[in-house]
């Protein structure tokens, strides 16, 4: 009896099977927990959408955001990540302006890179720019000493172009195994100096972020660069984009970043605890899903401890002993706290947020 498409997919022979073929998370740019679609003047080591980090050697050179400038997304997509230069920059040898995704070792170890059994991968994406020419990027190991610069062409300005790049897996270099560290970084250049450029199409023992001769987006004032549909998959052929349910994509992102607040101004956090003394309450904060590692906390705005009868300013929130599913969270500088009284934790305004980051 002939195999069905599903049967063939389970055997790994059907290009349409999409179990978890895409190693990129949020490749369709649908999740934006930090900015909720707002554009920002993006800073070094910041995220314009989930999982895509921007790194730069100079500050305040791009506006960035989900669906920046409201252009029409390519067919089959509703979102994209956009960048626009604030002013032109003359690129020095050591300069770099790059958007990257770091893939966790647990999600890349089966590629067997650095061994004789290294697997070929294909990187595909949709890209649109006000500029034309040859653009660049790279794949790089966690130690940033082994990389594969690649180049691609945008022949027509302000038009979505589909790119597919097949890369033979490296049999050399140091690549981490199935751990929660960086397995491989996928980098897209917005402008990179000669120190971090290399010859396209070959693995090298170097920290290359882009290909020699690539167009510098940041070198032109008001230039734009948009990208979506980013997919890195095993094999030598680019297949259809691996659409996952929104809830699934959100939870994949929440392994690395979680946020509470910013909605009604009356939102409760998943925390319950007791008064410790007049200025401190402490208790257990439960994550939405297990995180990659013990997270760091960023508090935005004010929160209050509520005991049904009244709200009490929570002061500065911090975390103590932390696992991957829960953390001890306590305050300093709270007011009106009664020792041993139970409290819940509530946002005091729509500007109030608690953010936990376990990003790579």
Protein backbone atom coordinates (compact mmCIF):
# COMPACT_ATOMS: atom_id res chain seq x y z
CA UNK A 1 0.00 0.00 0.00
CA UNK A 2 1.33 3.43 -0.90
CA UNK A 3 2.40 5.68 1.94
CA UNK A 4 0.31 8.76 2.67
CA UNK A 5 1.94 12.20 2.92
CA UNK A 6 1.80 11.96 6.71
CA UNK A 7 3.42 8.50 6.65
CA UNK A 8 6.14 9.78 4.33
CA UNK A 9 6.70 12.80 6.55
CA UNK A 10 7.21 10.63 9.60
CA UNK A 11 9.84 8.75 7.66
CA UNK A 12 11.54 12.04 6.80
CA UNK A 13 10.94 11.78 3.04
CA UNK A 14 8.23 14.40 2.56
CA UNK A 15 9.30 18.02 2.22
CA UNK A 16 5.90 19.23 3.47
CA UNK A 17 6.19 17.63 6.91
CA UNK A 18 6.78 20.37 9.48
CA UNK A 19 7.35 18.74 12.88
CA UNK A 20 10.04 21.20 14.00
CA UNK A 21 12.08 21.56 10.87
CA UNK A 22 12.73 25.27 11.38
CA UNK A 23 15.45 25.84 13.99
CA UNK A 24 14.64 29.57 13.99
CA UNK A 25 12.06 30.69 16.57
CA UNK A 26 9.68 33.51 15.60
CA UNK A 27 10.92 33.50 12.03
CA UNK A 28 7.62 35.05 10.87
CA UNK A 29 8.11 37.92 13.37
CA UNK A 30 4.70 37.39 14.99
CA UNK A 31 5.81 37.64 18.64
CA UNK A 32 6.86 41.00 20.10
CA UNK A 33 6.55 40.78 23.88
CA UNK A 34 8.78 43.75 24.66
CA UNK A 35 7.44 46.46 22.37
CA UNK A 36 3.95 45.26 21.34
CA UNK A 37 4.56 46.43 17.77
CA UNK A 38 5.89 49.88 18.65
CA UNK A 39 8.93 51.17 16.81
CA UNK A 40 12.05 52.03 18.85
CA UNK A 41 15.42 53.65 18.40
CA UNK A 42 17.17 50.37 18.87
CA UNK A 43 20.19 50.02 21.14
CA UNK A 44 23.00 47.50 21.15
CA UNK A 45 21.92 44.08 22.49
CA UNK A 46 18.22 44.94 22.20
CA UNK A 47 15.30 43.07 20.66
CA UNK A 48 12.88 44.65 18.18
CA UNK A 49 10.89 41.38 18.12
CA UNK A 50 11.35 38.23 20.16
CA UNK A 51 14.50 36.13 19.61
CA UNK A 52 16.11 38.52 17.09
CA UNK A 53 18.83 40.53 18.79
CA UNK A 54 20.46 43.63 17.34
CA UNK A 55 24.14 44.23 18.11
CA UNK A 56 26.02 47.34 17.10
CA UNK A 57 29.31 49.11 17.65
CA UNK A 58 27.70 52.58 17.51
CA UNK A 59 24.55 53.81 19.25
CA UNK A 60 21.31 55.29 17.89
CA UNK A 61 21.72 54.46 14.22
CA UNK A 62 18.43 52.66 13.46
CA UNK A 63 14.73 52.84 14.09
CA UNK A 64 13.43 49.28 14.27
CA UNK A 65 10.21 47.44 14.92
CA UNK A 66 7.65 44.85 14.02
CA UNK A 67 5.94 45.98 10.80
CA UNK A 68 7.97 49.20 10.72
CA UNK A 69 6.59 51.74 8.20
CA UNK A 70 3.56 49.52 7.48
CA UNK A 71 4.64 48.15 4.12
CA UNK A 72 2.77 45.15 2.70
CA UNK A 73 4.14 41.85 4.02
CA UNK A 74 5.01 39.16 1.45
CA UNK A 75 2.31 36.66 0.46
CA UNK A 76 1.63 34.18 3.24
CA UNK A 77 2.94 36.46 6.02
CA UNK A 78 1.39 39.17 8.17
CA UNK A 79 4.48 40.45 9.98
CA UNK A 80 8.08 41.37 9.33
CA UNK A 81 11.00 42.97 11.16
CA UNK A 82 12.06 46.36 9.84
CA UNK A 83 15.05 48.70 10.19
CA UNK A 84 15.53 52.25 8.93
CA UNK A 85 18.74 54.25 9.26
CA UNK A 86 18.49 57.48 11.24
CA UNK A 87 21.56 58.93 9.50
CA UNK A 88 24.30 57.58 7.27
CA UNK A 89 27.36 56.07 8.97
CA UNK A 90 30.85 55.70 7.56
CA UNK A 91 31.79 52.14 8.47
CA UNK A 92 35.15 51.71 10.19
CA UNK A 93 37.09 48.45 10.11
CA UNK A 94 35.85 47.39 13.53
CA UNK A 95 32.24 48.51 13.15
CA UNK A 96 29.29 46.16 13.00
CA UNK A 97 25.50 46.52 12.79
CA UNK A 98 23.91 43.08 12.81
CA UNK A 99 20.60 41.40 13.58
CA UNK A 100 20.99 37.82 14.79
CA UNK A 101 19.26 34.84 16.26
CA UNK A 102 21.20 32.55 18.59
CA UNK A 103 19.96 28.96 18.32
CA UNK A 104 20.18 26.92 21.50
CA UNK A 105 22.44 23.88 21.52
CA UNK A 106 19.52 21.59 22.33
CA UNK A 107 18.00 22.65 18.99
CA UNK A 108 21.13 22.30 16.86
CA UNK A 109 23.13 19.39 18.31
CA UNK A 110 21.65 16.87 15.85
CA UNK A 111 23.36 18.74 13.01
CA UNK A 112 26.62 17.09 14.20
CA UNK A 113 28.68 20.11 13.19
CA UNK A 114 32.39 19.75 13.81
CA UNK A 115 32.29 16.02 12.99
CA UNK A 116 32.54 13.84 9.90
CA UNK A 117 28.74 13.47 10.05
CA UNK A 118 28.03 17.21 9.77
CA UNK A 119 24.63 17.84 8.22
CA UNK A 120 23.90 20.25 5.37
CA UNK A 121 21.43 23.05 6.15
CA UNK A 122 19.43 25.51 4.08
CA UNK A 123 18.74 29.06 5.20
CA UNK A 124 15.78 30.78 3.56
CA UNK A 125 14.02 34.10 4.13
CA UNK A 126 12.10 36.94 2.48
CA UNK A 127 13.87 40.29 2.29
CA UNK A 128 13.02 43.81 1.06
CA UNK A 129 15.19 46.92 0.96
CA UNK A 130 15.30 50.41 -0.46
CA UNK A 131 18.81 49.48 -1.62
CA UNK A 132 19.89 46.97 -4.25
CA UNK A 133 23.04 44.91 -4.58
CA UNK A 134 24.80 42.14 -2.76
CA UNK A 135 24.01 41.77 0.95
CA UNK A 136 25.62 39.53 3.54
CA UNK A 137 25.44 37.58 6.75
CA UNK A 138 26.97 34.55 8.41
CA UNK A 139 26.55 31.43 10.50
CA UNK A 140 28.88 31.32 13.51
CA UNK A 141 29.75 29.06 16.43
CA UNK A 142 29.37 29.94 20.12
CA UNK A 143 33.05 30.74 20.56
CA UNK A 144 32.86 33.25 17.68
CA UNK A 145 35.97 31.75 16.09
CA UNK A 146 34.47 29.65 13.29
CA UNK A 147 32.03 31.03 10.75
CA UNK A 148 30.49 30.82 7.29
CA UNK A 149 29.95 34.18 5.56
CA UNK A 150 27.18 34.15 2.96
CA UNK A 151 25.97 36.64 0.38
CA UNK A 152 22.69 37.13 -1.45
CA UNK A 153 21.30 39.54 -4.00
CA UNK A 154 18.44 42.04 -3.84
CA UNK A 155 18.09 42.98 -7.53
CA UNK A 156 15.02 45.24 -7.28
CA UNK A 157 14.46 47.91 -4.63
CA UNK A 158 11.32 47.93 -2.49
CA UNK A 159 10.25 44.47 -3.61
CA UNK A 160 10.10 41.28 -1.56
CA UNK A 161 12.75 38.79 -2.71
CA UNK A 162 12.90 35.15 -1.61
CA UNK A 163 16.40 33.98 -0.71
CA UNK A 164 17.65 30.40 -0.30
CA UNK A 165 21.23 29.54 0.71
CA UNK A 166 22.43 25.94 1.11
CA UNK A 167 25.41 25.44 3.40
CA UNK A 168 27.38 22.21 3.79
CA UNK A 169 27.84 21.47 7.48
CA UNK A 170 31.33 22.12 8.87
CA UNK A 171 33.46 19.11 9.77
CA UNK A 172 35.83 21.33 11.78
CA UNK A 173 35.50 23.97 14.44
CA UNK A 174 34.21 23.73 17.99
CA UNK A 175 30.43 23.35 18.32
CA UNK A 176 28.59 22.75 21.57
CA UNK A 177 26.53 19.60 22.13
CA UNK A 178 22.98 19.32 23.45
CA UNK A 179 23.18 22.01 26.11
CA UNK A 180 21.37 25.29 26.78
CA UNK A 181 24.24 27.37 25.38
CA UNK A 182 24.61 28.89 21.92
CA UNK A 183 24.61 26.17 19.27
CA UNK A 184 24.86 28.47 16.25
CA UNK A 185 24.23 32.15 15.53
CA UNK A 186 22.48 33.21 12.33
CA UNK A 187 23.55 36.76 11.46
CA UNK A 188 22.20 39.30 8.97
CA UNK A 189 24.40 42.31 8.24
CA UNK A 190 23.15 45.88 8.19
CA UNK A 191 26.74 47.06 7.79
CA UNK A 192 29.98 45.39 8.89
CA UNK A 193 33.59 46.58 8.72
CA UNK A 194 36.50 44.66 7.26
CA UNK A 195 37.57 43.16 10.61
CA UNK A 196 34.41 41.01 10.68
CA UNK A 197 34.05 40.25 6.96
CA UNK A 198 35.19 37.13 5.14
CA UNK A 199 34.97 35.41 1.78
CA UNK A 200 31.43 34.24 1.06
CA UNK A 201 30.73 30.55 0.60
CA UNK A 202 33.38 28.92 2.77
CA UNK A 203 33.87 28.03 6.43
CA UNK A 204 36.76 29.84 8.09
CA UNK A 205 38.48 29.93 11.47
CA UNK A 206 37.40 33.54 12.00
CA UNK A 207 34.79 35.73 13.64
CA UNK A 208 32.99 36.70 10.45
CA UNK A 209 29.64 38.45 10.64
CA UNK A 210 29.21 39.12 6.93
CA UNK A 211 30.70 38.67 3.49
CA UNK A 212 33.33 40.91 1.97
CA UNK A 213 31.81 43.51 -0.35
CA UNK A 214 28.29 43.36 1.09
CA UNK A 215 26.05 46.42 0.91
CA UNK A 216 26.00 48.58 4.04
CA UNK A 217 22.42 49.55 4.91
CA UNK A 218 23.63 51.90 7.66
CA UNK A 219 25.82 53.67 5.10
CA UNK A 220 22.79 55.33 3.47
CA UNK A 221 20.54 57.78 5.30
CA UNK A 222 16.89 56.67 5.62
CA UNK A 223 17.67 53.32 3.98
CA UNK A 224 15.28 50.51 4.89
CA UNK A 225 15.71 46.78 5.40
CA UNK A 226 12.87 44.35 6.10
CA UNK A 227 12.99 40.60 6.71
CA UNK A 228 10.57 37.77 7.51
CA UNK A 229 10.04 34.06 6.91
CA UNK A 230 13.46 33.20 8.30
CA UNK A 231 14.01 29.44 8.30
CA UNK A 232 17.05 27.26 8.98
CA UNK A 233 16.40 23.61 8.23
CA UNK A 234 18.33 20.42 7.72
CA UNK A 235 18.81 19.42 4.09
CA UNK A 236 19.86 20.93 0.78
CA UNK A 237 16.44 22.28 -0.28
CA UNK A 238 14.39 25.17 1.05
CA UNK A 239 10.90 23.86 1.85
CA UNK A 240 7.71 25.71 2.71
CA UNK A 241 7.86 27.90 5.80
CA UNK A 242 7.21 26.02 9.04
CA UNK A 243 4.13 27.80 10.38
CA UNK A 244 3.47 26.87 14.00
CA UNK A 245 0.39 27.75 16.07
CA UNK A 246 0.65 31.21 17.65
CA UNK A 247 0.47 29.74 21.15
CA UNK A 248 3.30 27.35 20.36
CA UNK A 249 5.48 30.12 18.93
CA UNK A 250 4.76 32.30 21.97
CA UNK A 251 5.81 29.57 24.40
CA UNK A 252 8.97 28.90 22.42
CA UNK A 253 9.81 32.60 22.88
CA UNK A 254 8.86 32.54 26.56
CA UNK A 255 11.61 30.02 27.26
CA UNK A 256 13.91 33.02 26.76
CA UNK A 257 11.77 36.02 27.79
CA UNK A 258 8.57 36.49 29.80
CA UNK A 259 6.68 39.64 30.72
CA UNK A 260 3.74 40.55 32.96
CA UNK A 261 1.73 43.76 33.14
CA UNK A 262 1.23 46.47 30.56
CA UNK A 263 -2.43 45.69 29.87
CA UNK A 264 -5.26 46.83 32.14
CA UNK A 265 -3.19 48.46 34.87
CA UNK A 266 -4.80 46.09 37.34
CA UNK A 267 -2.99 42.91 36.37
CA UNK A 268 -1.82 40.41 38.97
CA UNK A 269 1.52 38.66 38.68
CA UNK A 270 1.87 34.92 39.42
CA UNK A 271 3.30 35.67 42.86
CA UNK A 272 2.05 35.01 46.37
CA UNK A 273 3.94 35.66 49.57
CA UNK A 274 4.09 36.94 53.11
CA UNK A 275 5.24 40.08 54.80
CA UNK A 276 8.78 39.67 56.09
CA UNK A 277 9.09 42.99 57.86
CA UNK A 278 7.66 46.49 57.43
CA UNK A 279 9.53 47.11 54.16
CA UNK A 280 9.80 43.64 52.67
CA UNK A 281 7.53 40.89 51.40
CA UNK A 282 8.78 37.72 49.76
CA UNK A 283 7.29 34.69 48.08
CA UNK A 284 7.29 32.39 45.08
CA UNK A 285 6.97 33.68 41.51
CA UNK A 286 5.89 31.03 38.99
CA UNK A 287 7.05 31.24 35.38
CA UNK A 288 4.67 30.86 32.44
CA UNK A 289 6.81 27.96 31.23
CA UNK A 290 10.27 26.65 32.18
CA UNK A 291 13.01 29.06 31.15
CA UNK A 292 16.32 28.28 29.48
CA UNK A 293 18.31 29.28 32.56
CA UNK A 294 17.89 31.22 35.79
CA UNK A 295 16.58 34.57 34.54
CA UNK A 296 17.41 38.17 35.34
CA UNK A 297 14.64 40.58 36.34
CA UNK A 298 13.82 44.03 35.00
CA UNK A 299 11.12 46.04 36.78
CA UNK A 300 9.33 48.72 34.78
CA UNK A 301 7.11 51.13 36.67
CA UNK A 302 5.52 50.48 40.06
CA UNK A 303 3.86 47.43 41.60
CA UNK A 304 1.86 47.05 44.79
CA UNK A 305 1.40 44.35 47.40
CA UNK A 306 -2.30 43.81 47.98
CA UNK A 307 -3.84 42.26 51.11
CA UNK A 308 -7.50 42.72 50.00
CA UNK A 309 -7.96 45.66 52.35
CA UNK A 310 -5.30 47.92 50.84
CA UNK A 311 -2.49 48.38 48.35
CA UNK A 312 1.06 48.88 49.60
CA UNK A 313 3.89 50.14 47.41
CA UNK A 314 6.13 47.18 46.58
CA UNK A 315 9.30 49.22 46.11
CA UNK A 316 12.08 47.49 44.19
CA UNK A 317 11.54 43.86 43.25
CA UNK A 318 14.39 41.38 43.07
CA UNK A 319 14.93 37.67 42.70
CA UNK A 320 16.80 35.26 44.93
CA UNK A 321 17.08 31.49 44.71
CA UNK A 322 15.92 30.59 41.22
CA UNK A 323 15.09 27.43 39.33
CA UNK A 324 13.86 27.01 35.78
CA UNK A 325 10.16 27.06 36.74
CA UNK A 326 10.00 29.29 39.83
CA UNK A 327 12.00 31.93 41.61
CA UNK A 328 12.04 33.57 45.01
CA UNK A 329 10.96 37.18 44.55
CA UNK A 330 11.21 39.77 47.29
CA UNK A 331 11.01 43.52 47.67
CA UNK A 332 13.12 46.25 49.17
CA UNK A 333 11.78 49.65 50.13
CA UNK A 334 8.14 48.56 50.33
CA UNK A 335 5.78 50.48 52.61
CA UNK A 336 3.12 49.45 55.11
CA UNK A 337 3.94 45.73 55.14
CA UNK A 338 2.78 43.62 58.09
CA UNK A 339 4.95 40.69 59.07
CA UNK A 340 3.45 37.28 58.16
CA UNK A 341 0.41 38.82 56.42
CA UNK A 342 -0.33 37.23 53.01
CA UNK A 343 -0.03 39.43 49.92
CA UNK A 344 -0.53 39.27 46.18
CA UNK A 345 1.40 41.37 43.64
CA UNK A 346 -0.47 43.74 41.31
CA UNK A 347 0.50 46.26 38.63
CA UNK A 348 -0.21 49.84 39.63
CA UNK A 349 -0.62 51.17 36.05
CA UNK A 350 -0.49 50.13 32.40
CA UNK A 351 3.18 51.17 32.45
CA UNK A 352 4.00 48.54 35.09
CA UNK A 353 5.85 45.46 33.91
CA UNK A 354 7.93 42.62 35.29
CA UNK A 355 10.29 41.19 32.70
CA UNK A 356 12.35 38.01 33.08
CA UNK A 357 15.12 37.28 30.61
CA UNK A 358 17.05 34.06 30.02
CA UNK A 359 18.25 35.04 26.54
CA UNK A 360 21.30 33.44 25.02
